[in-house]
C-alpha atoms as a PDB file:
ATOM      1  CA  MET A   1     -14.589   2.142  -1.130  1.00  0.00           C
ATOM      2  CA  ASN A   2     -12.086  -0.159  -1.540  1.00  0.00           C
ATOM      3  CA  ASN A   3      -8.956   0.069   1.116  1.00  0.00           C
ATOM      4  CA  LEU A   4      -6.591   1.124  -0.892  1.00  0.00           C
ATOM      5  CA  GLY A   5      -8.784   4.517  -1.818  1.00  0.00           C
ATOM      6  CA  SER A   6      -9.418   5.712   1.265  1.00  0.00           C
ATOM      7  CA  LEU A   7      -5.682   5.728   1.660  1.00  0.00           C
ATOM      8  CA  GLY A   8      -5.933   8.842  -0.403  1.00  0.00           C
ATOM      9  CA  LEU A   9      -3.459   8.346  -3.836  1.00  0.00           C
ATOM     10  CA  ASN A  10      -2.860  12.809  -3.724  1.00  0.00           C
ATOM     11  CA  SER A  11      -1.597  15.035  -1.464  1.00  0.00           C
ATOM     12  CA  SER A  12      -3.636  17.748  -0.877  1.00  0.00           C
ATOM     13  CA  GLN A  13      -3.425  21.201   1.536  1.00  0.00           C
ATOM     14  CA  SER A  14      -5.844  22.278   3.746  1.00  0.00           C
ATOM     15  CA  ALA A  15      -7.179  25.808   4.102  1.00  0.00           C
ATOM     16  CA  GLU A  16      -5.325  25.985   6.749  1.00  0.00           C
ATOM     17  CA  GLY A  17      -2.562  25.299   5.370  1.00  0.00           C
ATOM     18  CA  GLU A  18      -1.324  21.682   6.581  1.00  0.00           C
ATOM     19  CA  VAL A  19      -0.465  19.319   3.895  1.00  0.00           C
ATOM     20  CA  HIS A  20      -1.406  15.939   3.898  1.00  0.00           C
ATOM     21  CA  GLN A  21       0.037  12.759   2.815  1.00  0.00           C
ATOM     22  CA  THR A  22      -0.116  10.824  -0.185  1.00  0.00           C
ATOM     23  CA  GLY A  23      -1.770   7.156   0.179  1.00  0.00           C
ATOM     24  CA  PHE A  24       1.418   5.869  -0.521  1.00  0.00           C
ATOM     25  CA  GLN A  25       2.961   8.128   1.622  1.00  0.00           C
ATOM     26  CA  GLN A  26       0.233   7.019   4.871  1.00  0.00           C
ATOM     27  CA  LEU A  27       1.344   3.093   3.722  1.00  0.00           C
ATOM     28  CA  GLY A  28       5.048   3.589   4.280  1.00  0.00           C
ATOM     29  CA  HIS A  29       3.984   5.018   7.327  1.00  0.00           C
ATOM     30  CA  ILE A  30       1.813   2.334   8.205  1.00  0.00           C
ATOM     31  CA  ILE A  31       4.677   0.088   7.579  1.00  0.00           C
ATOM     32  CA  ASP A  32       7.124   1.684  10.250  1.00  0.00           C
ATOM     33  CA  GLN A  33       4.167   1.614  12.867  1.00  0.00           C
ATOM     34  CA  SER A  34       3.149  -2.315  12.147  1.00  0.00           C
ATOM     35  CA  ALA A  35       4.456  -4.130   9.488  1.00  0.00           C
ATOM     36  CA  GLU A  36       2.002  -6.606   9.894  1.00  0.00           C
ATOM     37  CA  ARG A  37      -1.408  -4.316   9.622  1.00  0.00           C
ATOM     38  CA  ALA A  38       0.554  -2.834   6.224  1.00  0.00           C
ATOM     39  CA  ALA A  39       0.976  -6.928   4.944  1.00  0.00           C
ATOM     40  CA  PHE A  40      -3.124  -7.600   6.363  1.00  0.00           C
ATOM     41  CA  LEU A  41      -3.875  -4.909   4.494  1.00  0.00           C
ATOM     42  CA  ILE A  42      -1.996  -5.816   1.082  1.00  0.00           C
ATOM     43  CA  LYS A  43      -2.776  -8.951   1.682  1.00  0.00           C
ATOM     44  CA  GLN A  44      -7.005  -8.003   0.931  1.00  0.00           C
ATOM     45  CA  TRP A  45      -5.710  -6.005  -1.931  1.00  0.00           C
ATOM     46  CA  LEU A  46      -4.060  -8.680  -3.420  1.00  0.00           C
ATOM     47  CA  TYR A  47      -7.337 -10.925  -3.008  1.00  0.00           C
ATOM     48  CA  SER A  48      -9.226  -7.775  -4.090  1.00  0.00           C
ATOM     49  CA  GLU A  49     -12.014  -8.588  -7.023  1.00  0.00           C
ATOM     50  CA  ASP A  50     -11.658  -4.476  -7.836  1.00  0.00           C
ATOM     51  CA  LEU A  51      -9.287  -4.060 -11.135  1.00  0.00           C
ATOM     52  CA  PRO A  52      -8.113  -0.343  -9.974  1.00  0.00           C
ATOM     53  CA  THR A  53      -6.718  -1.698  -6.310  1.00  0.00           C
ATOM     54  CA  ARG A  54      -5.026  -4.883  -7.834  1.00  0.00           C
ATOM     55  CA  GLU A  55      -3.666  -2.076 -10.578  1.00  0.00           C
ATOM     56  CA  LEU A  56      -2.830   0.087  -8.380  1.00  0.00           C
ATOM     57  CA  LEU A  57      -0.400  -2.639  -6.258  1.00  0.00           C
ATOM     58  CA  THR A  58       1.807  -2.559  -9.423  1.00  0.00           C
ATOM     59  CA  VAL A  59       2.593   1.287  -8.452  1.00  0.00           C
ATOM     60  CA  ILE A  60       3.457   0.123  -4.025  1.00  0.00           C
ATOM     61  CA  PRO A  61       7.108  -1.539  -5.250  1.00  0.00           C
ATOM     62  CA  ARG A  62       8.505   1.384  -6.523  1.00  0.00           C
ATOM     63  CA  GLN A  63       6.892   4.599  -4.098  1.00  0.00           C
ATOM     64  CA  LEU A  64       8.533   2.362  -0.633  1.00  0.00           C
ATOM     65  CA  GLY A  65      11.681   2.373   0.539  1.00  0.00           C
ATOM     66  CA  LEU A  66      13.535  -1.047   0.212  1.00  0.00           C
ATOM     67  CA  GLU A  67      13.150  -2.200   3.369  1.00  0.00           C
ATOM     68  CA  GLN A  68       9.748  -1.303   3.728  1.00  0.00           C
ATOM     69  CA  LEU A  69       8.709  -3.370   0.923  1.00  0.00           C
ATOM     70  CA  ASN A  70      11.728  -5.939   2.536  1.00  0.00           C
ATOM     71  CA  ARG A  71       9.231  -5.920   5.647  1.00  0.00           C
ATOM     72  CA  VAL A  72       6.380  -6.381   4.183  1.00  0.00           C
ATOM     73  CA  LEU A  73       7.351  -9.458   2.080  1.00  0.00           C
ATOM     74  CA  SER A  74       8.600 -10.688   4.620  1.00  0.00           C
ATOM     75  CA  LEU A  75       5.468 -11.149   6.350  1.00  0.00           C
ATOM     76  CA  LEU A  76       4.271 -12.327   2.612  1.00  0.00           C
ATOM     77  CA  ASN A  77       3.629 -16.266   2.106  1.00  0.00           C
ATOM     78  CA  GLN A  78       4.564 -17.558  -1.324  1.00  0.00           C
ATOM     79  CA  GLU A  79       1.337 -17.367  -2.912  1.00  0.00           C
ATOM     80  CA  ASP A  80       0.802 -13.746  -2.001  1.00  0.00           C
ATOM     81  CA  ARG A  81       3.966 -13.059  -4.037  1.00  0.00           C
ATOM     82  CA  LYS A  82       3.109 -14.218  -6.364  1.00  0.00           C
ATOM     83  CA  ARG A  83      -0.412 -12.671  -6.955  1.00  0.00           C
ATOM     84  CA  TRP A  84       1.873  -9.609  -6.319  1.00  0.00           C
ATOM     85  CA  LYS A  85       4.287 -10.538  -9.521  1.00  0.00           C
ATOM     86  CA  PRO A  86       2.874  -7.611 -12.587  1.00  0.00           C
ATOM     87  CA  PRO A  87       0.521  -9.735 -14.818  1.00  0.00           C
END
């Protein structure tokens, strides 16, 4: 399983009624806790050969808040940012 898949994409509810966060919400939480860790994960996904992972990267900017997105972008180099552009 790739790292993005391990975050999960859908929220779900456990038998006890607990609501689990979506993968995008979890990524937002990671950014809030450690933008460096989030940037590291995103760099892994950017250079992944797994097409679904690369395709999901195009959705991340629409799911994150502007401040969260800027925190991650500030930690990526020029080459990383070029790779993140939609095809």
